Amino acid sequence: MTSAEPVPSHVLHPREVKASVLAAFQLVEDARYLGTERKRRRSRSRAAAERTVASRRLARDILAG
């Protein structure tokens, strides 16, 4: 066989992609964990915004009174 000849097809087989059960489980767990983290972060941001609004209202009421 010279370098000009093509490689026989039985020599090159495309690899099949095989996802293990553990890898699939890890993807699901990562998605679940990241999803709850976003919700927690959003609720913390909302709580901080609510505290800010409440403190500004209190400051405004004190200055007006």
C-alpha atoms as a PDB file:
ATOM      1  CA  MET A   1       0.000   0.000   0.000  1.00  0.00           C
ATOM      2  CA  THR A   2       1.350   3.401  -0.947  1.00  0.00           C
ATOM      3  CA  SER A   3       0.434   6.762   0.509  1.00  0.00           C
ATOM      4  CA  ALA A   4      -1.702   7.474  -2.577  1.00  0.00           C
ATOM      5  CA  GLU A   5      -4.055   4.589  -1.845  1.00  0.00           C
ATOM      6  CA  PRO A   6      -7.074   5.273   0.352  1.00  0.00           C
ATOM      7  CA  VAL A   7      -7.335   3.562   3.704  1.00  0.00           C
ATOM      8  CA  PRO A   8      -9.693   0.588   3.561  1.00  0.00           C
ATOM      9  CA  SER A   9     -13.059   1.270   5.161  1.00  0.00           C
ATOM     10  CA  HIS A  10     -12.774  -1.675   7.540  1.00  0.00           C
ATOM     11  CA  VAL A  11      -9.771  -0.001   9.188  1.00  0.00           C
ATOM     12  CA  LEU A  12     -11.529   3.277  10.017  1.00  0.00           C
ATOM     13  CA  HIS A  13     -14.755   2.977  11.948  1.00  0.00           C
ATOM     14  CA  PRO A  14     -16.414   6.080  13.302  1.00  0.00           C
ATOM     15  CA  ARG A  15     -16.583   5.937  17.063  1.00  0.00           C
ATOM     16  CA  GLU A  16     -20.019   5.734  18.568  1.00  0.00           C
ATOM     17  CA  VAL A  17     -20.699   8.255  21.276  1.00  0.00           C
ATOM     18  CA  LYS A  18     -21.807   6.436  24.411  1.00  0.00           C
ATOM     19  CA  ALA A  19     -23.079   8.406  27.364  1.00  0.00           C
ATOM     20  CA  SER A  20     -22.854   6.556  30.615  1.00  0.00           C
ATOM     21  CA  VAL A  21     -25.701   6.510  33.076  1.00  0.00           C
ATOM     22  CA  LEU A  22     -23.507   8.295  35.601  1.00  0.00           C
ATOM     23  CA  ALA A  23     -22.729  11.120  33.188  1.00  0.00           C
ATOM     24  CA  ALA A  24     -26.417  11.554  32.356  1.00  0.00           C
ATOM     25  CA  PHE A  25     -27.295  11.562  36.054  1.00  0.00           C
ATOM     26  CA  GLN A  26     -24.620  14.179  36.703  1.00  0.00           C
ATOM     27  CA  LEU A  27     -26.028  16.426  33.979  1.00  0.00           C
ATOM     28  CA  VAL A  28     -29.483  16.215  35.547  1.00  0.00           C
ATOM     29  CA  GLU A  29     -28.136  16.940  39.012  1.00  0.00           C
ATOM     30  CA  ASP A  30     -26.082  19.888  37.738  1.00  0.00           C
ATOM     31  CA  ALA A  31     -29.127  21.362  36.018  1.00  0.00           C
ATOM     32  CA  ARG A  32     -31.204  20.910  39.148  1.00  0.00           C
ATOM     33  CA  TYR A  33     -28.537  22.478  41.368  1.00  0.00           C
ATOM     34  CA  LEU A  34     -27.949  25.430  39.077  1.00  0.00           C
ATOM     35  CA  GLY A  35     -31.682  25.980  38.714  1.00  0.00           C
ATOM     36  CA  THR A  36     -32.183  26.239  42.472  1.00  0.00           C
ATOM     37  CA  GLU A  37     -29.177  28.513  42.788  1.00  0.00           C
ATOM     38  CA  ARG A  38     -30.718  30.947  40.329  1.00  0.00           C
ATOM     39  CA  LYS A  39     -33.957  30.962  42.298  1.00  0.00           C
ATOM     40  CA  ARG A  40     -32.116  31.577  45.550  1.00  0.00           C
ATOM     41  CA  ARG A  41     -30.095  34.382  44.012  1.00  0.00           C
ATOM     42  CA  ARG A  42     -33.246  35.940  42.573  1.00  0.00           C
ATOM     43  CA  SER A  43     -35.060  35.763  45.901  1.00  0.00           C
ATOM     44  CA  ARG A  44     -32.054  37.271  47.707  1.00  0.00           C
ATOM     45  CA  SER A  45     -31.953  40.106  45.183  1.00  0.00           C
ATOM     46  CA  ARG A  46     -35.679  40.671  45.587  1.00  0.00           C
ATOM     47  CA  ALA A  47     -35.400  40.707  49.391  1.00  0.00           C
ATOM     48  CA  ALA A  48     -32.554  43.230  49.202  1.00  0.00           C
ATOM     49  CA  ALA A  49     -34.599  45.427  46.869  1.00  0.00           C
ATOM     50  CA  GLU A  50     -37.603  45.247  49.204  1.00  0.00           C
ATOM     51  CA  ARG A  51     -35.435  46.246  52.176  1.00  0.00           C
ATOM     52  CA  THR A  52     -34.038  49.160  50.192  1.00  0.00           C
ATOM     53  CA  VAL A  53     -37.518  50.396  49.265  1.00  0.00           C
ATOM     54  CA  ALA A  54     -38.707  50.052  52.872  1.00  0.00           C
ATOM     55  CA  SER A  55     -35.726  51.965  54.252  1.00  0.00           C
ATOM     56  CA  ARG A  56     -36.163  54.751  51.685  1.00  0.00           C
ATOM     57  CA  ARG A  57     -39.861  55.048  52.544  1.00  0.00           C
ATOM     58  CA  LEU A  58     -38.992  55.230  56.240  1.00  0.00           C
ATOM     59  CA  ALA A  59     -36.359  57.896  55.578  1.00  0.00           C
ATOM     60  CA  ARG A  60     -38.825  59.886  53.458  1.00  0.00           C
ATOM     61  CA  ASP A  61     -41.534  59.622  56.162  1.00  0.00           C
ATOM     62  CA  ILE A  62     -39.106  60.709  58.876  1.00  0.00           C
ATOM     63  CA  LEU A  63     -37.995  63.741  56.861  1.00  0.00           C
ATOM     64  CA  ALA A  64     -41.600  64.648  55.985  1.00  0.00           C
ATOM     65  CA  GLY A  65     -42.823  64.253  59.601  1.00  0.00           C
END
